[in-house]
Amino acid sequence: MKTTFDTQTIELNPSGENFVAVVDGKTVNVQIARASNGRMDLLVDGQRVTAHVSSDMARRWVTINGRTLMLTKTSGAKQGVRHDHAGGLIAPMPGQIRSVSVSVGDAVKKGQTLLTMEAMKMEIRIQALKDGVVKSVSVAQGQTVEREQILVEVE
C-alpha cells in the first residue's frame, strides 16, 4: 500500500505478521503490538510508538506525539491494471488470501482462477482478465490484504 504523507510517499508492505515501510529510501520495520478502538501501539524499528487513527475510508488522520497528520491512500494499482471486482488483479476489498493457484511464469487463460480470497464471509475468485503469463504474485496463502492491493500481474 502506498500512502501520501504531507509531500512524502510511504510504501507499506506486509512482511509475515509485521510490515516493512519505505520512506525516502530508508527501510524501517513496523510491528503492530496492539490495536483497539482507533489506538495502535507500534514498534517502529524496536521503538514503541502510540498512534490514534480515524478514517473516512479515503483519508486517515493519525495522531502521534500530539501531532495529527492526514494520510491519503493512493492506489497501489499500476497503470493498465483493471479495478474490476469480477476478475480484477487487485483486492476489491480488505480480506484474507485463502489460496494461490499460480506462480510466476505460469501461462493462464482468460477466466482462469488465479487465487481466492475471503472477505466479509464471502469467497472471492480473482480471475485472469486475458490470456497471458503471470508476471508477479504479490501475496501468499493466509496473508491479509488491503483494498486495491496488487495481488497478481499478468502480461
N, C-alpha and C. Protein backbone atom coordinates (compact mmCIF):
# COMPACT_ATOMS: atom_id res chain seq x y z
N MET A 1 0.85 -1.16 0.00
CA MET A 1 0.00 0.00 0.00
C MET A 1 0.89 1.23 0.00
N LYS A 2 0.59 2.18 -0.87
CA LYS A 2 1.31 3.44 -0.90
C LYS A 2 0.41 4.50 -0.31
N THR A 3 1.00 5.36 0.52
CA THR A 3 0.26 6.42 1.19
C THR A 3 1.03 7.72 1.07
N THR A 4 0.32 8.82 0.82
CA THR A 4 0.96 10.13 0.75
C THR A 4 0.91 10.75 2.14
N PHE A 5 2.05 11.18 2.61
CA PHE A 5 2.22 11.76 3.94
C PHE A 5 2.85 13.12 3.75
N ASP A 6 2.04 14.19 3.94
CA ASP A 6 2.46 15.54 3.57
C ASP A 6 2.91 15.49 2.11
N THR A 7 4.20 15.64 1.82
CA THR A 7 4.67 15.55 0.44
C THR A 7 5.44 14.27 0.19
N GLN A 8 5.58 13.43 1.21
CA GLN A 8 6.32 12.18 1.08
C GLN A 8 5.38 11.04 0.70
N THR A 9 5.92 10.06 0.02
CA THR A 9 5.18 8.84 -0.24
C THR A 9 5.78 7.74 0.61
N ILE A 10 4.91 7.08 1.34
CA ILE A 10 5.32 5.97 2.20
C ILE A 10 4.76 4.70 1.59
N GLU A 11 5.62 3.72 1.39
CA GLU A 11 5.16 2.43 0.90
C GLU A 11 5.20 1.46 2.07
N LEU A 12 4.07 0.83 2.35
CA LEU A 12 3.94 -0.08 3.47
C LEU A 12 3.55 -1.45 2.93
N ASN A 13 4.40 -2.44 3.17
CA ASN A 13 4.16 -3.79 2.65
C ASN A 13 4.20 -4.80 3.78
N PRO A 14 3.28 -5.79 3.73
CA PRO A 14 3.30 -6.85 4.73
C PRO A 14 4.58 -7.67 4.63
N SER A 15 5.08 -8.10 5.78
CA SER A 15 6.24 -8.97 5.85
C SER A 15 5.99 -9.96 6.97
N GLY A 16 5.39 -11.09 6.63
CA GLY A 16 4.97 -12.05 7.65
C GLY A 16 3.85 -11.42 8.46
N GLU A 17 4.01 -11.37 9.78
CA GLU A 17 2.99 -10.75 10.63
C GLU A 17 3.26 -9.27 10.86
N ASN A 18 4.35 -8.75 10.33
CA ASN A 18 4.75 -7.36 10.51
C ASN A 18 4.66 -6.62 9.19
N PHE A 19 5.22 -5.41 9.14
CA PHE A 19 5.23 -4.60 7.93
C PHE A 19 6.62 -4.02 7.73
N VAL A 20 6.93 -3.72 6.48
CA VAL A 20 8.15 -3.01 6.14
C VAL A 20 7.71 -1.71 5.48
N ALA A 21 8.19 -0.58 6.01
CA ALA A 21 7.86 0.73 5.45
C ALA A 21 9.10 1.31 4.78
N VAL A 22 8.90 1.92 3.62
CA VAL A 22 9.99 2.59 2.92
C VAL A 22 9.63 4.06 2.83
N VAL A 23 10.45 4.92 3.46
CA VAL A 23 10.23 6.36 3.47
C VAL A 23 11.52 7.02 3.02
N ASP A 24 11.45 7.76 1.92
CA ASP A 24 12.64 8.43 1.37
C ASP A 24 13.82 7.47 1.20
N GLY A 25 13.53 6.26 0.75
CA GLY A 25 14.57 5.28 0.50
C GLY A 25 15.07 4.55 1.74
N LYS A 26 14.60 4.96 2.91
CA LYS A 26 15.01 4.31 4.15
C LYS A 26 13.96 3.26 4.53
N THR A 27 14.42 2.07 4.86
CA THR A 27 13.52 0.98 5.23
C THR A 27 13.45 0.86 6.74
N VAL A 28 12.21 0.80 7.26
CA VAL A 28 12.01 0.59 8.70
C VAL A 28 11.03 -0.56 8.90
N ASN A 29 11.22 -1.30 9.98
CA ASN A 29 10.33 -2.40 10.31
C ASN A 29 9.26 -1.90 11.27
N VAL A 30 8.00 -2.27 10.98
CA VAL A 30 6.88 -1.84 11.81
C VAL A 30 6.13 -3.08 12.27
N GLN A 31 5.93 -3.16 13.57
CA GLN A 31 5.18 -4.27 14.17
C GLN A 31 4.02 -3.68 14.94
N ILE A 32 2.82 -4.22 14.73
CA ILE A 32 1.66 -3.78 15.49
C ILE A 32 1.63 -4.60 16.77
N ALA A 33 1.91 -3.94 17.89
CA ALA A 33 1.92 -4.63 19.18
C ALA A 33 0.49 -4.83 19.68
N ARG A 34 -0.37 -3.80 19.47
CA ARG A 34 -1.75 -3.89 19.89
C ARG A 34 -2.56 -2.85 19.12
N ALA A 35 -3.78 -3.22 18.72
CA ALA A 35 -4.68 -2.28 18.05
C ALA A 35 -6.08 -2.46 18.62
N SER A 36 -6.68 -1.36 19.05
CA SER A 36 -8.01 -1.42 19.64
C SER A 36 -8.66 -0.05 19.63
N ASN A 37 -9.88 0.04 19.10
CA ASN A 37 -10.68 1.26 19.13
C ASN A 37 -9.93 2.50 18.65
N GLY A 38 -9.26 2.39 17.52
CA GLY A 38 -8.56 3.52 16.94
C GLY A 38 -7.19 3.81 17.52
N ARG A 39 -6.76 3.03 18.49
CA ARG A 39 -5.43 3.20 19.08
C ARG A 39 -4.54 2.06 18.61
N MET A 40 -3.34 2.40 18.18
CA MET A 40 -2.38 1.38 17.75
C MET A 40 -1.07 1.58 18.50
N ASP A 41 -0.62 0.52 19.17
CA ASP A 41 0.70 0.52 19.78
C ASP A 41 1.63 -0.17 18.79
N LEU A 42 2.60 0.56 18.29
CA LEU A 42 3.51 0.07 17.26
C LEU A 42 4.92 -0.03 17.80
N LEU A 43 5.70 -0.92 17.21
CA LEU A 43 7.13 -0.96 17.41
C LEU A 43 7.75 -0.60 16.06
N VAL A 44 8.36 0.57 15.99
CA VAL A 44 8.98 1.05 14.76
C VAL A 44 10.49 0.93 14.95
N ASP A 45 11.09 -0.04 14.26
CA ASP A 45 12.50 -0.38 14.45
C ASP A 45 12.81 -0.56 15.93
N GLY A 46 11.89 -1.24 16.64
CA GLY A 46 12.09 -1.56 18.05
C GLY A 46 11.69 -0.48 19.03
N GLN A 47 11.34 0.71 18.54
CA GLN A 47 10.95 1.80 19.42
C GLN A 47 9.42 1.88 19.49
N ARG A 48 8.87 1.91 20.75
CA ARG A 48 7.42 1.93 20.94
C ARG A 48 6.85 3.30 20.56
N VAL A 49 5.78 3.28 19.74
CA VAL A 49 5.09 4.48 19.30
C VAL A 49 3.59 4.21 19.44
N THR A 50 2.85 5.17 19.99
CA THR A 50 1.40 5.05 20.09
C THR A 50 0.78 5.98 19.06
N ALA A 51 -0.13 5.45 18.26
CA ALA A 51 -0.82 6.25 17.24
C ALA A 51 -2.32 6.12 17.46
N HIS A 52 -3.04 7.21 17.24
CA HIS A 52 -4.50 7.21 17.29
C HIS A 52 -4.97 7.46 15.86
N VAL A 53 -5.84 6.58 15.35
CA VAL A 53 -6.22 6.61 13.94
C VAL A 53 -7.72 6.75 13.79
N SER A 54 -8.15 7.64 12.89
CA SER A 54 -9.55 7.70 12.47
C SER A 54 -9.56 7.79 10.96
N SER A 55 -10.70 7.38 10.34
CA SER A 55 -10.72 7.26 8.89
C SER A 55 -12.11 7.54 8.33
N ASP A 56 -12.13 8.05 7.09
CA ASP A 56 -13.39 8.15 6.35
C ASP A 56 -13.29 7.32 5.07
N MET A 57 -12.48 6.28 5.09
CA MET A 57 -12.22 5.31 4.02
C MET A 57 -11.17 5.82 3.02
N ALA A 58 -11.27 7.05 2.54
CA ALA A 58 -10.27 7.55 1.59
C ALA A 58 -9.11 8.21 2.31
N ARG A 59 -9.39 8.82 3.46
CA ARG A 59 -8.35 9.53 4.21
C ARG A 59 -8.25 8.96 5.61
N ARG A 60 -7.07 9.06 6.18
CA ARG A 60 -6.85 8.65 7.56
C ARG A 60 -6.17 9.78 8.29
N TRP A 61 -6.63 10.03 9.51
CA TRP A 61 -5.99 11.01 10.37
C TRP A 61 -5.26 10.23 11.43
N VAL A 62 -3.97 10.48 11.56
CA VAL A 62 -3.13 9.76 12.50
C VAL A 62 -2.50 10.78 13.44
N THR A 63 -2.68 10.56 14.74
CA THR A 63 -2.08 11.43 15.74
C THR A 63 -0.98 10.66 16.45
N ILE A 64 0.24 11.20 16.36
CA ILE A 64 1.41 10.61 17.01
C ILE A 64 2.12 11.74 17.74
N ASN A 65 2.39 11.53 19.04
CA ASN A 65 3.09 12.52 19.86
C ASN A 65 2.43 13.90 19.77
N GLY A 66 1.09 13.94 19.79
CA GLY A 66 0.36 15.21 19.78
C GLY A 66 0.26 15.89 18.43
N ARG A 67 0.81 15.30 17.39
CA ARG A 67 0.77 15.88 16.05
C ARG A 67 -0.16 15.05 15.18
N THR A 68 -1.16 15.70 14.56
CA THR A 68 -2.11 14.99 13.71
C THR A 68 -1.74 15.20 12.26
N LEU A 69 -1.67 14.12 11.54
CA LEU A 69 -1.33 14.13 10.12
C LEU A 69 -2.46 13.49 9.33
N MET A 70 -2.72 14.00 8.14
CA MET A 70 -3.72 13.38 7.28
C MET A 70 -2.99 12.54 6.24
N LEU A 71 -3.34 11.27 6.18
CA LEU A 71 -2.77 10.38 5.19
C LEU A 71 -3.82 10.15 4.11
N THR A 72 -3.41 10.24 2.86
CA THR A 72 -4.31 9.98 1.75
C THR A 72 -3.81 8.75 1.04
N LYS A 73 -4.64 7.74 0.98
CA LYS A 73 -4.24 6.49 0.34
C LYS A 73 -4.26 6.68 -1.16
N THR A 74 -3.14 6.35 -1.79
CA THR A 74 -3.09 6.36 -3.24
C THR A 74 -3.23 4.93 -3.70
N SER A 75 -3.74 4.75 -4.88
CA SER A 75 -3.95 3.40 -5.39
C SER A 75 -2.64 2.68 -5.54
N GLY A 76 -2.59 1.42 -5.14
CA GLY A 76 -1.41 0.60 -5.32
C GLY A 76 -1.38 -0.03 -6.70
N ALA A 77 -2.43 0.22 -7.48
CA ALA A 77 -2.52 -0.41 -8.79
C ALA A 77 -1.61 0.29 -9.79
N LYS A 78 -0.99 -0.47 -10.63
CA LYS A 78 -0.15 0.09 -11.67
C LYS A 78 -1.00 0.40 -12.89
N GLN A 79 -0.54 1.32 -13.71
CA GLN A 79 -1.27 1.68 -14.91
C GLN A 79 -1.51 0.45 -15.75
N GLY A 80 -2.72 0.32 -16.25
CA GLY A 80 -3.05 -0.82 -17.10
C GLY A 80 -3.68 -1.98 -16.33
N VAL A 81 -3.64 -1.95 -15.00
CA VAL A 81 -4.27 -3.00 -14.21
C VAL A 81 -5.71 -2.57 -13.95
N ARG A 82 -6.68 -3.41 -14.31
CA ARG A 82 -8.08 -3.05 -14.14
C ARG A 82 -8.51 -3.22 -12.71
N HIS A 83 -9.52 -2.47 -12.33
CA HIS A 83 -10.04 -2.50 -10.97
C HIS A 83 -11.33 -3.30 -10.88
N ASP A 84 -11.69 -4.06 -11.90
CA ASP A 84 -12.94 -4.79 -11.89
C ASP A 84 -13.01 -5.74 -10.71
N HIS A 85 -14.18 -5.78 -10.07
CA HIS A 85 -14.38 -6.73 -8.97
C HIS A 85 -14.36 -8.15 -9.52
N ALA A 86 -15.08 -8.39 -10.59
CA ALA A 86 -15.14 -9.73 -11.18
C ALA A 86 -13.92 -9.93 -12.06
N GLY A 87 -12.87 -10.47 -11.51
CA GLY A 87 -11.70 -10.79 -12.31
C GLY A 87 -10.57 -9.79 -12.21
N GLY A 88 -10.69 -8.76 -11.38
CA GLY A 88 -9.61 -7.79 -11.24
C GLY A 88 -8.37 -8.42 -10.65
N LEU A 89 -7.25 -7.78 -10.85
CA LEU A 89 -5.99 -8.29 -10.35
C LEU A 89 -5.59 -7.61 -9.04
N ILE A 90 -6.48 -6.81 -8.50
CA ILE A 90 -6.26 -6.18 -7.22
C ILE A 90 -7.37 -6.60 -6.28
N ALA A 91 -7.12 -6.46 -4.99
CA ALA A 91 -8.12 -6.84 -4.00
C ALA A 91 -9.30 -5.87 -4.08
N PRO A 92 -10.50 -6.37 -4.26
CA PRO A 92 -11.67 -5.49 -4.35
C PRO A 92 -12.07 -4.91 -3.00
N MET A 93 -11.59 -5.54 -1.91
CA MET A 93 -11.88 -5.09 -0.55
C MET A 93 -10.88 -5.75 0.39
N PRO A 94 -10.75 -5.28 1.61
CA PRO A 94 -9.84 -5.94 2.54
C PRO A 94 -10.28 -7.38 2.77
N GLY A 95 -9.33 -8.28 2.93
CA GLY A 95 -9.66 -9.68 3.16
C GLY A 95 -8.42 -10.51 3.40
N GLN A 96 -8.61 -11.82 3.34
CA GLN A 96 -7.50 -12.74 3.57
C GLN A 96 -7.39 -13.70 2.40
N ILE A 97 -6.16 -13.94 1.96
CA ILE A 97 -5.90 -14.85 0.85
C ILE A 97 -6.09 -16.28 1.35
N ARG A 98 -6.96 -17.03 0.68
CA ARG A 98 -7.23 -18.43 1.07
C ARG A 98 -6.40 -19.41 0.24
N SER A 99 -6.19 -19.11 -1.04
CA SER A 99 -5.35 -19.99 -1.86
C SER A 99 -4.78 -19.21 -3.03
N VAL A 100 -3.60 -19.63 -3.46
CA VAL A 100 -2.94 -19.05 -4.64
C VAL A 100 -2.71 -20.21 -5.60
N SER A 101 -3.27 -20.11 -6.81
CA SER A 101 -3.24 -21.23 -7.75
C SER A 101 -2.19 -21.10 -8.84
N VAL A 102 -1.45 -19.98 -8.87
CA VAL A 102 -0.47 -19.76 -9.93
C VAL A 102 0.87 -19.33 -9.36
N SER A 103 1.90 -19.43 -10.19
CA SER A 103 3.25 -18.98 -9.84
C SER A 103 3.77 -18.10 -10.97
N VAL A 104 4.80 -17.35 -10.69
CA VAL A 104 5.44 -16.51 -11.71
C VAL A 104 5.87 -17.41 -12.87
N GLY A 105 5.56 -16.97 -14.09
CA GLY A 105 5.94 -17.73 -15.28
C GLY A 105 4.85 -18.65 -15.80
N ASP A 106 3.79 -18.89 -15.01
CA ASP A 106 2.69 -19.76 -15.46
C ASP A 106 1.91 -19.09 -16.58
N ALA A 107 1.53 -19.87 -17.58
CA ALA A 107 0.62 -19.39 -18.62
C ALA A 107 -0.80 -19.54 -18.10
N VAL A 108 -1.62 -18.49 -18.30
CA VAL A 108 -3.01 -18.52 -17.83
C VAL A 108 -3.96 -18.16 -18.97
N LYS A 109 -5.17 -18.63 -18.85
CA LYS A 109 -6.22 -18.34 -19.83
C LYS A 109 -7.23 -17.38 -19.22
N LYS A 110 -7.86 -16.58 -20.05
CA LYS A 110 -8.89 -15.65 -19.61
C LYS A 110 -9.96 -16.43 -18.82
N GLY A 111 -10.30 -15.92 -17.65
CA GLY A 111 -11.31 -16.56 -16.82
C GLY A 111 -10.77 -17.57 -15.82
N GLN A 112 -9.49 -17.93 -15.95
CA GLN A 112 -8.88 -18.90 -15.03
C GLN A 112 -8.74 -18.27 -13.64
N THR A 113 -9.08 -19.03 -12.61
CA THR A 113 -8.94 -18.53 -11.24
C THR A 113 -7.47 -18.53 -10.85
N LEU A 114 -6.98 -17.35 -10.45
CA LEU A 114 -5.58 -17.18 -10.07
C LEU A 114 -5.40 -17.36 -8.57
N LEU A 115 -6.38 -16.89 -7.81
CA LEU A 115 -6.35 -17.04 -6.36
C LEU A 115 -7.75 -16.83 -5.82
N THR A 116 -7.95 -17.25 -4.58
CA THR A 116 -9.21 -16.98 -3.90
C THR A 116 -8.91 -16.23 -2.62
N MET A 117 -9.83 -15.35 -2.28
CA MET A 117 -9.70 -14.61 -1.03
C MET A 117 -11.03 -14.62 -0.31
N GLU A 118 -10.99 -14.40 0.98
CA GLU A 118 -12.20 -14.33 1.78
C GLU A 118 -12.32 -12.92 2.32
N ALA A 119 -13.51 -12.35 2.14
CA ALA A 119 -13.78 -11.01 2.65
C ALA A 119 -15.24 -10.95 3.06
N MET A 120 -15.50 -10.49 4.24
CA MET A 120 -16.86 -10.37 4.75
C MET A 120 -17.63 -11.69 4.62
N LYS A 121 -16.97 -12.78 4.95
CA LYS A 121 -17.54 -14.14 4.92
C LYS A 121 -17.95 -14.59 3.51
N MET A 122 -17.36 -13.96 2.48
CA MET A 122 -17.61 -14.36 1.10
C MET A 122 -16.31 -14.88 0.50
N GLU A 123 -16.41 -15.84 -0.39
CA GLU A 123 -15.24 -16.29 -1.14
C GLU A 123 -15.23 -15.54 -2.47
N ILE A 124 -14.12 -14.90 -2.76
CA ILE A 124 -13.98 -14.12 -3.99
C ILE A 124 -12.90 -14.76 -4.84
N ARG A 125 -13.26 -15.11 -6.08
CA ARG A 125 -12.28 -15.67 -7.01
C ARG A 125 -11.71 -14.55 -7.86
N ILE A 126 -10.39 -14.42 -7.84
CA ILE A 126 -9.72 -13.43 -8.69
C ILE A 126 -9.28 -14.19 -9.94
N GLN A 127 -9.83 -13.76 -11.09
CA GLN A 127 -9.62 -14.49 -12.34
C GLN A 127 -8.85 -13.65 -13.34
N ALA A 128 -8.15 -14.33 -14.24
CA ALA A 128 -7.39 -13.65 -15.29
C ALA A 128 -8.35 -12.91 -16.22
N LEU A 129 -8.00 -11.67 -16.55
CA LEU A 129 -8.82 -10.87 -17.46
C LEU A 129 -8.52 -11.18 -18.92
N LYS A 130 -7.37 -11.84 -19.15
CA LYS A 130 -6.94 -12.13 -20.51
C LYS A 130 -5.97 -13.31 -20.48
N ASP A 131 -5.71 -13.89 -21.62
CA ASP A 131 -4.66 -14.90 -21.72
C ASP A 131 -3.33 -14.20 -21.49
N GLY A 132 -2.40 -14.89 -20.87
CA GLY A 132 -1.09 -14.28 -20.66
C GLY A 132 -0.20 -15.13 -19.78
N VAL A 133 0.85 -14.50 -19.29
CA VAL A 133 1.83 -15.16 -18.42
C VAL A 133 1.89 -14.37 -17.11
N VAL A 134 1.93 -15.09 -16.01
CA VAL A 134 1.98 -14.45 -14.70
C VAL A 134 3.33 -13.75 -14.54
N LYS A 135 3.28 -12.43 -14.38
CA LYS A 135 4.49 -11.62 -14.21
C LYS A 135 4.92 -11.58 -12.75
N SER A 136 3.94 -11.46 -11.84
CA SER A 136 4.27 -11.42 -10.41
C SER A 136 3.09 -11.91 -9.59
N VAL A 137 3.41 -12.51 -8.46
CA VAL A 137 2.43 -12.90 -7.46
C VAL A 137 2.87 -12.20 -6.18
N SER A 138 2.07 -11.25 -5.72
CA SER A 138 2.47 -10.39 -4.61
C SER A 138 1.91 -10.81 -3.26
N VAL A 139 1.21 -11.95 -3.21
CA VAL A 139 0.59 -12.39 -1.96
C VAL A 139 0.83 -13.88 -1.75
N ALA A 140 0.57 -14.32 -0.52
CA ALA A 140 0.70 -15.74 -0.18
C ALA A 140 -0.53 -16.17 0.63
N GLN A 141 -0.78 -17.46 0.64
CA GLN A 141 -1.91 -18.01 1.38
C GLN A 141 -1.84 -17.57 2.85
N GLY A 142 -2.98 -17.13 3.38
CA GLY A 142 -3.05 -16.70 4.77
C GLY A 142 -2.78 -15.22 4.98
N GLN A 143 -2.26 -14.54 3.97
CA GLN A 143 -1.92 -13.13 4.09
C GLN A 143 -3.18 -12.26 4.10
N THR A 144 -3.18 -11.23 4.91
CA THR A 144 -4.27 -10.25 4.93
C THR A 144 -3.91 -9.15 3.93
N VAL A 145 -4.90 -8.73 3.13
CA VAL A 145 -4.65 -7.71 2.11
C VAL A 145 -5.59 -6.54 2.28
N GLU A 146 -5.16 -5.38 1.79
CA GLU A 146 -5.94 -4.15 1.81
C GLU A 146 -6.68 -4.01 0.49
N ARG A 147 -7.72 -3.19 0.49
CA ARG A 147 -8.44 -2.87 -0.75
C ARG A 147 -7.46 -2.23 -1.73
N GLU A 148 -7.52 -2.62 -2.98
CA GLU A 148 -6.69 -2.13 -4.09
C GLU A 148 -5.24 -2.56 -4.03
N GLN A 149 -4.91 -3.49 -3.14
CA GLN A 149 -3.54 -4.01 -3.11
C GLN A 149 -3.35 -4.93 -4.32
N ILE A 150 -2.23 -4.81 -4.99
CA ILE A 150 -1.96 -5.66 -6.14
C ILE A 150 -1.77 -7.09 -5.66
N LEU A 151 -2.46 -8.03 -6.31
CA LEU A 151 -2.40 -9.43 -5.95
C LEU A 151 -1.54 -10.21 -6.94
N VAL A 152 -1.89 -10.09 -8.23
CA VAL A 152 -1.21 -10.82 -9.30
C VAL A 152 -1.14 -9.91 -10.52
N GLU A 153 -0.02 -9.98 -11.24
CA GLU A 153 0.09 -9.25 -12.50
C GLU A 153 0.26 -10.26 -13.63
N VAL A 154 -0.50 -10.06 -14.69
CA VAL A 154 -0.43 -10.92 -15.87
C VAL A 154 -0.11 -10.05 -17.06
N GLU A 155 0.87 -10.49 -17.88
CA GLU A 155 1.18 -9.74 -19.11
C GLU A 155 0.99 -10.59 -20.32
